N, C-alpha and C. Protein backbone atom coordinates (compact mmCIF):
# COMPACT_ATOMS: atom_id res chain seq x y z
N MET A 1 106.71 102.77 124.25
CA MET A 1 107.53 102.03 123.33
C MET A 1 108.54 102.94 122.63
N GLU A 2 108.11 104.14 122.28
CA GLU A 2 109.04 105.08 121.63
C GLU A 2 110.19 105.42 122.58
N ASP A 3 109.89 105.62 123.85
CA ASP A 3 110.96 105.90 124.83
C ASP A 3 111.93 104.73 124.92
N TYR A 4 111.41 103.52 124.91
CA TYR A 4 112.26 102.33 124.97
C TYR A 4 113.18 102.26 123.74
N LEU A 5 112.60 102.42 122.57
CA LEU A 5 113.40 102.39 121.34
C LEU A 5 114.46 103.48 121.33
N ARG A 6 114.09 104.66 121.80
CA ARG A 6 115.06 105.76 121.85
C ARG A 6 116.23 105.40 122.76
N ALA A 7 115.92 104.87 123.94
CA ALA A 7 116.98 104.57 124.91
C ALA A 7 117.82 103.35 124.54
N HIS A 8 117.21 102.34 123.92
CA HIS A 8 117.92 101.07 123.71
C HIS A 8 118.33 100.79 122.27
N VAL A 9 117.83 101.58 121.33
CA VAL A 9 118.20 101.36 119.93
C VAL A 9 118.71 102.65 119.31
N TRP A 10 117.87 103.66 119.26
CA TRP A 10 118.21 104.87 118.50
C TRP A 10 119.39 105.62 119.09
N GLU A 11 119.39 105.88 120.41
CA GLU A 11 120.52 106.61 121.01
C GLU A 11 121.82 105.81 120.93
N PRO A 12 121.84 104.51 121.29
CA PRO A 12 123.10 103.75 121.16
C PRO A 12 123.63 103.72 119.73
N ALA A 13 122.72 103.76 118.75
CA ALA A 13 123.14 103.74 117.34
C ALA A 13 123.46 105.14 116.82
N GLY A 14 123.20 106.18 117.61
CA GLY A 14 123.46 107.55 117.17
C GLY A 14 122.37 108.10 116.26
N MET A 15 121.17 107.56 116.37
CA MET A 15 120.06 107.93 115.49
C MET A 15 119.24 109.06 116.13
N ASP A 16 119.74 110.28 116.04
CA ASP A 16 119.09 111.40 116.73
C ASP A 16 117.97 112.06 115.93
N ALA A 17 117.74 111.61 114.68
CA ALA A 17 116.66 112.18 113.87
C ALA A 17 115.57 111.14 113.61
N THR A 18 115.35 110.24 114.56
CA THR A 18 114.39 109.15 114.41
C THR A 18 113.30 109.27 115.46
N SER A 19 112.06 109.05 115.04
CA SER A 19 110.93 109.11 115.97
C SER A 19 109.74 108.38 115.36
N PHE A 20 108.72 108.16 116.17
CA PHE A 20 107.47 107.64 115.63
C PHE A 20 106.85 108.71 114.73
N ASP A 21 106.13 108.27 113.72
CA ASP A 21 105.42 109.18 112.82
C ASP A 21 104.06 109.47 113.45
N VAL A 22 104.02 110.45 114.33
CA VAL A 22 102.79 110.85 115.01
C VAL A 22 102.17 111.99 114.20
N PRO A 23 100.96 111.77 113.65
CA PRO A 23 100.37 112.78 112.75
C PRO A 23 100.22 114.16 113.37
N THR A 24 99.96 114.24 114.67
CA THR A 24 99.74 115.55 115.30
C THR A 24 101.03 116.27 115.67
N ARG A 25 102.16 115.59 115.57
CA ARG A 25 103.45 116.18 115.92
C ARG A 25 104.01 117.02 114.79
N ILE A 26 104.63 118.12 115.16
CA ILE A 26 105.40 118.89 114.18
C ILE A 26 106.78 118.23 114.12
N ILE A 27 107.10 117.67 112.98
CA ILE A 27 108.38 116.98 112.80
C ILE A 27 109.13 117.70 111.69
N PRO A 28 110.22 118.39 112.04
CA PRO A 28 110.97 119.14 111.02
C PRO A 28 111.39 118.23 109.86
N ARG A 29 111.24 118.74 108.66
CA ARG A 29 111.66 118.08 107.42
C ARG A 29 110.88 116.79 107.12
N ARG A 30 109.70 116.61 107.74
CA ARG A 30 108.89 115.44 107.39
C ARG A 30 108.39 115.63 105.96
N ALA A 31 108.66 114.67 105.11
CA ALA A 31 108.26 114.77 103.70
C ALA A 31 106.85 114.24 103.50
N ARG A 32 106.27 114.66 102.42
CA ARG A 32 104.95 114.15 102.02
C ARG A 32 105.17 113.23 100.83
N GLY A 33 104.40 112.17 100.76
CA GLY A 33 104.50 111.24 99.65
C GLY A 33 103.54 111.56 98.54
N TYR A 34 103.88 111.10 97.36
CA TYR A 34 103.09 111.33 96.16
C TYR A 34 102.91 110.01 95.42
N GLU A 35 101.89 109.96 94.59
CA GLU A 35 101.65 108.82 93.71
C GLU A 35 101.84 109.30 92.28
N PHE A 36 102.59 108.53 91.51
CA PHE A 36 102.82 108.88 90.11
C PHE A 36 102.05 107.91 89.24
N ASP A 37 101.24 108.42 88.34
CA ASP A 37 100.48 107.61 87.40
C ASP A 37 101.23 107.65 86.07
N ALA A 38 101.92 106.56 85.75
CA ALA A 38 102.74 106.53 84.54
C ALA A 38 101.90 106.70 83.27
N ALA A 39 100.68 106.20 83.28
CA ALA A 39 99.84 106.29 82.08
C ALA A 39 99.49 107.74 81.76
N SER A 40 99.15 108.52 82.79
CA SER A 40 98.75 109.91 82.54
C SER A 40 99.89 110.89 82.74
N GLY A 41 100.95 110.44 83.42
CA GLY A 41 102.07 111.33 83.73
C GLY A 41 101.77 112.28 84.87
N GLU A 42 100.69 112.02 85.61
CA GLU A 42 100.29 112.91 86.69
C GLU A 42 100.84 112.47 88.04
N LEU A 43 101.18 113.47 88.83
CA LEU A 43 101.64 113.28 90.20
C LEU A 43 100.54 113.80 91.11
N THR A 44 100.11 112.98 92.06
CA THR A 44 99.06 113.40 93.00
C THR A 44 99.51 113.14 94.43
N ASN A 45 98.89 113.84 95.36
CA ASN A 45 99.18 113.60 96.77
C ASN A 45 98.73 112.20 97.16
N ALA A 46 99.57 111.50 97.90
CA ALA A 46 99.19 110.19 98.42
C ALA A 46 98.18 110.38 99.55
N VAL A 47 97.32 109.41 99.70
CA VAL A 47 96.37 109.43 100.81
C VAL A 47 97.16 109.33 102.11
N GLN A 48 96.89 110.22 103.02
CA GLN A 48 97.59 110.20 104.30
C GLN A 48 96.88 109.23 105.25
N GLU A 49 97.65 108.59 106.08
CA GLU A 49 97.07 107.66 107.04
C GLU A 49 97.79 107.78 108.37
N ASP A 50 97.09 107.39 109.41
CA ASP A 50 97.67 107.33 110.74
C ASP A 50 98.35 105.97 110.86
N VAL A 51 99.67 105.94 110.93
CA VAL A 51 100.41 104.68 110.95
C VAL A 51 100.70 104.17 112.36
N SER A 52 100.04 104.74 113.35
CA SER A 52 100.29 104.31 114.73
C SER A 52 99.94 102.85 114.95
N TYR A 53 99.07 102.29 114.12
CA TYR A 53 98.69 100.88 114.27
C TYR A 53 99.87 99.94 114.02
N LYS A 54 100.93 100.43 113.39
CA LYS A 54 102.04 99.54 113.08
C LYS A 54 103.36 99.96 113.73
N TYR A 55 103.31 100.68 114.83
CA TYR A 55 104.56 101.08 115.49
C TYR A 55 105.43 99.89 115.88
N VAL A 56 104.84 98.74 116.10
CA VAL A 56 105.63 97.57 116.45
C VAL A 56 106.56 97.17 115.30
N GLY A 57 106.14 97.40 114.06
CA GLY A 57 106.95 97.01 112.92
C GLY A 57 107.10 98.07 111.87
N GLY A 58 106.79 99.32 112.17
CA GLY A 58 106.89 100.38 111.18
C GLY A 58 106.34 101.67 111.74
N GLY A 59 106.02 102.59 110.86
CA GLY A 59 105.49 103.87 111.31
C GLY A 59 106.53 104.73 111.99
N ILE A 60 107.79 104.50 111.64
CA ILE A 60 108.90 105.23 112.25
C ILE A 60 109.54 106.10 111.17
N LEU A 61 109.80 107.35 111.51
CA LEU A 61 110.49 108.27 110.61
C LEU A 61 111.97 108.28 110.96
N ALA A 62 112.81 108.12 109.96
CA ALA A 62 114.25 108.16 110.17
C ALA A 62 114.90 108.74 108.92
N SER A 63 115.92 109.52 109.12
CA SER A 63 116.67 110.06 107.99
C SER A 63 117.52 108.95 107.37
N ASP A 64 117.96 109.17 106.14
CA ASP A 64 118.88 108.21 105.52
C ASP A 64 120.13 108.04 106.37
N GLU A 65 120.62 109.15 106.91
CA GLU A 65 121.82 109.10 107.75
C GLU A 65 121.59 108.21 108.97
N ASP A 66 120.41 108.33 109.60
CA ASP A 66 120.12 107.49 110.76
C ASP A 66 119.99 106.02 110.38
N MET A 67 119.44 105.75 109.22
CA MET A 67 119.34 104.36 108.79
C MET A 67 120.73 103.76 108.54
N VAL A 68 121.63 104.55 107.98
CA VAL A 68 123.00 104.08 107.80
C VAL A 68 123.64 103.83 109.16
N ARG A 69 123.39 104.73 110.11
CA ARG A 69 123.92 104.53 111.47
C ARG A 69 123.39 103.23 112.09
N LEU A 70 122.11 102.92 111.84
CA LEU A 70 121.54 101.66 112.33
C LEU A 70 122.30 100.47 111.76
N GLY A 71 122.54 100.48 110.46
CA GLY A 71 123.28 99.38 109.84
C GLY A 71 124.67 99.23 110.43
N HIS A 72 125.38 100.34 110.60
CA HIS A 72 126.73 100.27 111.17
C HIS A 72 126.68 99.78 112.62
N ALA A 73 125.67 100.19 113.38
CA ALA A 73 125.54 99.74 114.78
C ALA A 73 125.27 98.23 114.84
N LEU A 74 124.48 97.72 113.91
CA LEU A 74 124.26 96.27 113.86
C LEU A 74 125.56 95.56 113.50
N ASN A 75 126.28 96.08 112.52
CA ASN A 75 127.53 95.45 112.09
C ASN A 75 128.59 95.45 113.18
N ALA A 76 128.61 96.50 114.00
CA ALA A 76 129.62 96.63 115.05
C ALA A 76 129.26 95.87 116.32
N GLY A 77 128.04 95.34 116.39
CA GLY A 77 127.62 94.64 117.61
C GLY A 77 127.17 95.59 118.70
N THR A 78 126.91 96.84 118.37
CA THR A 78 126.48 97.83 119.35
C THR A 78 125.09 97.52 119.89
N LEU A 79 124.23 96.98 119.05
CA LEU A 79 122.83 96.75 119.43
C LEU A 79 122.53 95.30 119.78
N LEU A 80 123.16 94.38 119.09
CA LEU A 80 122.93 92.95 119.31
C LEU A 80 124.24 92.20 119.22
N GLY A 81 124.32 91.08 119.92
CA GLY A 81 125.52 90.24 119.83
C GLY A 81 125.51 89.39 118.58
N LYS A 82 126.65 88.76 118.30
CA LYS A 82 126.79 87.94 117.08
C LYS A 82 125.75 86.82 116.99
N PRO A 83 125.43 86.11 118.10
CA PRO A 83 124.41 85.06 117.98
C PRO A 83 123.04 85.61 117.56
N ALA A 84 122.65 86.76 118.09
CA ALA A 84 121.36 87.36 117.73
C ALA A 84 121.37 87.81 116.27
N ILE A 85 122.47 88.40 115.83
CA ILE A 85 122.58 88.83 114.43
C ILE A 85 122.50 87.62 113.51
N ALA A 86 123.22 86.55 113.85
CA ALA A 86 123.19 85.34 113.02
C ALA A 86 121.77 84.78 112.93
N GLU A 87 121.05 84.81 114.02
CA GLU A 87 119.67 84.32 114.03
C GLU A 87 118.77 85.23 113.18
N MET A 88 119.00 86.53 113.26
CA MET A 88 118.21 87.49 112.50
C MET A 88 118.42 87.28 110.99
N TYR A 89 119.63 86.94 110.58
CA TYR A 89 119.94 86.76 109.17
C TYR A 89 119.77 85.31 108.69
N ARG A 90 119.39 84.41 109.59
CA ARG A 90 119.22 83.00 109.20
C ARG A 90 118.05 82.87 108.23
N PRO A 91 118.25 82.17 107.11
CA PRO A 91 117.16 82.02 106.14
C PRO A 91 115.93 81.37 106.78
N ARG A 92 114.77 81.94 106.49
CA ARG A 92 113.51 81.43 107.02
C ARG A 92 112.64 80.82 105.93
N LEU A 93 112.85 81.21 104.68
CA LEU A 93 112.08 80.68 103.57
C LEU A 93 112.98 79.88 102.66
N ASP A 94 112.47 78.82 102.13
CA ASP A 94 113.19 78.00 101.17
C ASP A 94 113.51 78.86 99.94
N PRO A 95 114.77 78.92 99.51
CA PRO A 95 115.12 79.75 98.36
C PRO A 95 114.42 79.35 97.07
N SER A 96 113.85 78.15 97.01
CA SER A 96 113.12 77.75 95.81
C SER A 96 111.69 78.30 95.80
N ALA A 97 111.29 78.96 96.89
CA ALA A 97 109.96 79.56 96.94
C ALA A 97 109.86 80.67 95.92
N THR A 98 108.67 81.00 95.54
CA THR A 98 108.45 82.06 94.57
C THR A 98 109.08 83.35 95.07
N ALA A 99 109.82 84.02 94.21
CA ALA A 99 110.49 85.27 94.57
C ALA A 99 109.45 86.34 94.88
N MET A 100 109.72 87.10 95.91
CA MET A 100 108.83 88.19 96.29
C MET A 100 109.19 89.41 95.47
N PRO A 101 108.21 90.25 95.11
CA PRO A 101 108.54 91.45 94.34
C PRO A 101 109.35 92.44 95.17
N ALA A 102 110.08 93.29 94.48
CA ALA A 102 110.82 94.36 95.15
C ALA A 102 109.83 95.31 95.80
N PRO A 103 110.27 96.12 96.80
CA PRO A 103 109.34 97.03 97.48
C PRO A 103 108.59 97.96 96.54
N ASP A 104 109.17 98.30 95.39
CA ASP A 104 108.49 99.20 94.46
C ASP A 104 107.58 98.45 93.50
N GLY A 105 107.43 97.13 93.68
CA GLY A 105 106.55 96.34 92.84
C GLY A 105 107.21 95.80 91.59
N ALA A 106 108.48 96.16 91.37
CA ALA A 106 109.19 95.69 90.18
C ALA A 106 109.44 94.19 90.33
N PRO A 107 109.49 93.47 89.21
CA PRO A 107 109.76 92.04 89.32
C PRO A 107 111.17 91.81 89.86
N PRO A 108 111.34 90.76 90.65
CA PRO A 108 112.67 90.50 91.21
C PRO A 108 113.64 90.08 90.11
N SER A 109 114.91 90.35 90.34
CA SER A 109 115.92 89.97 89.36
C SER A 109 116.84 88.92 89.96
N GLY A 110 117.40 88.07 89.13
CA GLY A 110 118.35 87.08 89.59
C GLY A 110 117.69 86.01 90.44
N GLN A 111 118.42 85.54 91.41
CA GLN A 111 117.95 84.50 92.30
C GLN A 111 116.79 84.99 93.17
N PRO A 112 115.86 84.10 93.49
CA PRO A 112 114.81 84.51 94.42
C PRO A 112 115.43 84.88 95.76
N PRO A 113 114.95 85.96 96.37
CA PRO A 113 115.50 86.33 97.66
C PRO A 113 115.11 85.32 98.73
N VAL A 114 115.95 85.20 99.72
CA VAL A 114 115.67 84.37 100.87
C VAL A 114 115.36 85.31 102.01
N GLN A 115 114.33 85.02 102.75
CA GLN A 115 113.89 85.91 103.82
C GLN A 115 114.48 85.47 105.15
N GLY A 116 115.15 86.39 105.83
CA GLY A 116 115.56 86.19 107.21
C GLY A 116 114.49 86.82 108.09
N LEU A 117 114.82 87.09 109.34
CA LEU A 117 113.89 87.75 110.24
C LEU A 117 113.89 89.23 109.91
N ILE A 118 112.94 89.70 109.18
CA ILE A 118 112.70 91.03 108.64
C ILE A 118 113.64 91.39 107.49
N TRP A 119 114.75 90.73 107.34
CA TRP A 119 115.73 91.04 106.31
C TRP A 119 115.60 90.10 105.13
N ARG A 120 115.76 90.63 103.93
CA ARG A 120 115.86 89.81 102.73
C ARG A 120 117.34 89.57 102.47
N LEU A 121 117.70 88.32 102.31
CA LEU A 121 119.09 87.95 102.08
C LEU A 121 119.32 88.00 100.58
N GLN A 122 120.15 88.93 100.15
CA GLN A 122 120.32 89.26 98.74
C GLN A 122 121.74 88.97 98.27
N GLN A 123 121.92 89.02 96.96
CA GLN A 123 123.24 88.94 96.36
C GLN A 123 123.25 89.94 95.20
N ASP A 124 124.28 90.79 95.16
CA ASP A 124 124.34 91.79 94.09
C ASP A 124 124.94 91.18 92.82
N GLY A 125 125.03 91.98 91.77
CA GLY A 125 125.55 91.51 90.49
C GLY A 125 126.97 91.02 90.53
N ALA A 126 127.73 91.42 91.55
CA ALA A 126 129.12 90.98 91.70
C ALA A 126 129.21 89.71 92.55
N GLY A 127 128.05 89.20 92.99
CA GLY A 127 128.05 87.99 93.81
C GLY A 127 128.27 88.24 95.29
N ARG A 128 128.22 89.51 95.71
CA ARG A 128 128.42 89.84 97.12
C ARG A 128 127.10 89.70 97.87
N ASP A 129 127.15 89.08 99.05
CA ASP A 129 125.97 88.92 99.88
C ASP A 129 125.70 90.19 100.66
N TYR A 130 124.43 90.51 100.80
CA TYR A 130 124.01 91.62 101.65
C TYR A 130 122.60 91.36 102.14
N VAL A 131 122.19 92.10 103.15
CA VAL A 131 120.82 92.01 103.66
C VAL A 131 120.13 93.32 103.35
N ALA A 132 118.83 93.25 103.11
CA ALA A 132 118.10 94.46 102.75
C ALA A 132 116.69 94.42 103.33
N HIS A 133 116.17 95.59 103.54
CA HIS A 133 114.77 95.73 103.94
C HIS A 133 114.24 96.98 103.27
N GLY A 134 113.05 96.87 102.74
CA GLY A 134 112.44 98.02 102.08
C GLY A 134 110.97 98.08 102.41
N GLY A 135 110.38 99.19 102.07
CA GLY A 135 108.97 99.33 102.33
C GLY A 135 108.37 100.51 101.61
N SER A 136 107.06 100.64 101.78
CA SER A 136 106.32 101.71 101.14
C SER A 136 105.16 102.10 102.04
N VAL A 137 104.98 103.38 102.20
CA VAL A 137 103.83 103.89 102.96
C VAL A 137 103.57 105.33 102.53
N LYS A 138 102.32 105.68 102.43
CA LYS A 138 101.89 107.04 102.13
C LYS A 138 102.63 107.66 100.94
N GLY A 139 102.80 106.89 99.86
CA GLY A 139 103.41 107.44 98.65
C GLY A 139 104.92 107.52 98.69
N THR A 140 105.55 106.85 99.62
CA THR A 140 107.01 106.88 99.72
C THR A 140 107.56 105.46 99.56
N LEU A 141 108.82 105.36 99.20
CA LEU A 141 109.53 104.08 99.12
C LEU A 141 110.84 104.23 99.87
N SER A 142 111.28 103.14 100.49
CA SER A 142 112.57 103.18 101.16
C SER A 142 113.28 101.85 100.98
N CYS A 143 114.59 101.88 101.13
CA CYS A 143 115.41 100.68 101.03
C CYS A 143 116.65 100.87 101.90
N LEU A 144 116.96 99.87 102.70
CA LEU A 144 118.20 99.83 103.47
C LEU A 144 118.95 98.58 103.04
N ALA A 145 120.13 98.75 102.48
CA ALA A 145 120.97 97.64 102.04
C ALA A 145 122.24 97.64 102.89
N ASN A 146 122.51 96.50 103.51
CA ASN A 146 123.63 96.39 104.43
C ASN A 146 124.53 95.22 104.00
N TYR A 147 125.78 95.55 103.72
CA TYR A 147 126.81 94.55 103.43
C TYR A 147 127.60 94.36 104.72
N PRO A 148 127.13 93.49 105.63
CA PRO A 148 127.77 93.40 106.95
C PRO A 148 129.23 92.98 106.90
N GLY A 149 129.60 92.12 105.96
CA GLY A 149 130.98 91.68 105.87
C GLY A 149 131.96 92.78 105.53
N GLN A 150 131.48 93.79 104.82
CA GLN A 150 132.32 94.92 104.41
C GLN A 150 131.96 96.20 105.17
N ASP A 151 130.93 96.15 106.01
CA ASP A 151 130.41 97.30 106.75
C ASP A 151 130.08 98.47 105.81
N VAL A 152 129.42 98.15 104.71
CA VAL A 152 128.94 99.16 103.77
C VAL A 152 127.42 99.16 103.86
N VAL A 153 126.86 100.33 104.16
CA VAL A 153 125.42 100.45 104.36
C VAL A 153 124.89 101.58 103.47
N VAL A 154 123.81 101.31 102.75
CA VAL A 154 123.19 102.31 101.88
C VAL A 154 121.72 102.43 102.27
N ALA A 155 121.26 103.67 102.45
CA ALA A 155 119.84 103.92 102.73
C ALA A 155 119.31 104.90 101.69
N LEU A 156 118.13 104.60 101.18
CA LEU A 156 117.50 105.44 100.18
C LEU A 156 116.02 105.63 100.49
N HIS A 157 115.54 106.83 100.25
CA HIS A 157 114.11 107.14 100.36
C HIS A 157 113.71 107.95 99.12
N VAL A 158 112.53 107.69 98.61
CA VAL A 158 111.95 108.55 97.58
C VAL A 158 110.51 108.84 97.99
N ASN A 159 110.04 110.00 97.62
CA ASN A 159 108.69 110.37 98.06
C ASN A 159 107.69 110.42 96.91
N ALA A 160 107.87 109.55 95.91
CA ALA A 160 106.88 109.42 94.84
C ALA A 160 106.82 107.96 94.42
N ARG A 161 105.75 107.30 94.80
CA ARG A 161 105.57 105.89 94.47
C ARG A 161 104.87 105.80 93.11
N GLY A 162 105.22 104.75 92.36
CA GLY A 162 104.55 104.52 91.09
C GLY A 162 105.42 104.79 89.88
N GLY A 163 106.59 105.34 90.08
CA GLY A 163 107.51 105.57 88.97
C GLY A 163 108.31 104.32 88.68
N LYS A 164 109.46 104.52 88.09
CA LYS A 164 110.28 103.37 87.71
C LYS A 164 111.46 103.18 88.65
N ALA A 165 111.39 103.76 89.82
CA ALA A 165 112.51 103.65 90.76
C ALA A 165 112.70 102.20 91.21
N ASP A 166 113.90 101.69 91.09
CA ASP A 166 114.26 100.39 91.64
C ASP A 166 115.31 100.67 92.70
N LEU A 167 114.86 100.83 93.92
CA LEU A 167 115.78 101.23 94.99
C LEU A 167 116.81 100.16 95.29
N ARG A 168 116.45 98.90 95.15
CA ARG A 168 117.42 97.84 95.40
C ARG A 168 118.57 97.95 94.40
N GLU A 169 118.24 98.14 93.13
CA GLU A 169 119.26 98.29 92.09
C GLU A 169 120.12 99.53 92.36
N ALA A 170 119.48 100.62 92.75
CA ALA A 170 120.22 101.85 93.05
C ALA A 170 121.14 101.65 94.25
N ALA A 171 120.66 100.96 95.28
CA ALA A 171 121.50 100.71 96.46
C ALA A 171 122.71 99.87 96.09
N GLU A 172 122.50 98.86 95.26
CA GLU A 172 123.63 98.03 94.81
C GLU A 172 124.65 98.86 94.03
N ALA A 173 124.16 99.75 93.19
CA ALA A 173 125.07 100.60 92.39
C ALA A 173 125.87 101.53 93.30
N ILE A 174 125.22 102.09 94.29
CA ILE A 174 125.93 102.97 95.23
C ILE A 174 126.96 102.18 96.02
N ALA A 175 126.58 101.00 96.50
CA ALA A 175 127.53 100.16 97.25
C ALA A 175 128.73 99.80 96.38
N ALA A 176 128.50 99.56 95.10
CA ALA A 176 129.59 99.20 94.19
C ALA A 176 130.61 100.32 94.04
N THR A 177 130.19 101.58 94.27
CA THR A 177 131.17 102.68 94.19
C THR A 177 132.19 102.58 95.32
N VAL A 178 131.80 101.93 96.41
CA VAL A 178 132.71 101.74 97.55
C VAL A 178 133.41 100.38 97.44
N LEU A 179 132.65 99.36 97.07
CA LEU A 179 133.16 97.99 97.06
C LEU A 179 133.93 97.65 95.79
N GLY A 180 133.73 98.41 94.74
CA GLY A 180 134.39 98.13 93.48
C GLY A 180 133.50 97.30 92.58
N PRO A 181 133.90 97.18 91.30
CA PRO A 181 133.08 96.44 90.34
C PRO A 181 133.16 94.93 90.57
N ALA A 182 132.31 94.23 89.87
CA ALA A 182 132.34 92.77 89.91
C ALA A 182 133.66 92.30 89.34
N GLU A 183 134.13 91.17 89.81
CA GLU A 183 135.37 90.59 89.27
C GLU A 183 135.20 90.37 87.77
N GLY A 184 136.18 90.75 86.99
CA GLY A 184 136.14 90.60 85.54
C GLY A 184 135.56 91.82 84.82
N ASP A 185 135.03 92.80 85.56
CA ASP A 185 134.49 94.02 84.92
C ASP A 185 135.60 95.00 84.64
């Protein structure tokens, strides 16, 4: 499966620093995750796990740069055609459903997110639509925010879970540096 992904996704997208997270492999610059206990102020090593059980939907190591390349490849139609992209971003959950928490556990802000196929359909403070996906494993947090209409892609990773990081908010702020402020600001 890793060979297939490399040949049909990662290489066409230019993602040369992406691979499965194989515990026995030496992977240059692989970070370790930490857990932060806000009550005590202590930082501890996160419990390590073998994530091979989820290679179908995770357990993949990628640099922020490679994640941005993935977003641009999706936007350009390099990996999938427009009908497949439209289907991937088609809302799957009723927007009146209970809002899901952000990947870092923070309460959601604004409108409840609508879930597409793996993507959360979001709107930033300026009213711009974007798709996002985030996750957490082994003391790390990540967020990929893609504004397909403007081809602006932001990827963020942090290696300490439990703090006050709101990666979705940070991604929106970074995107705003390129897209400009909300109308009227």
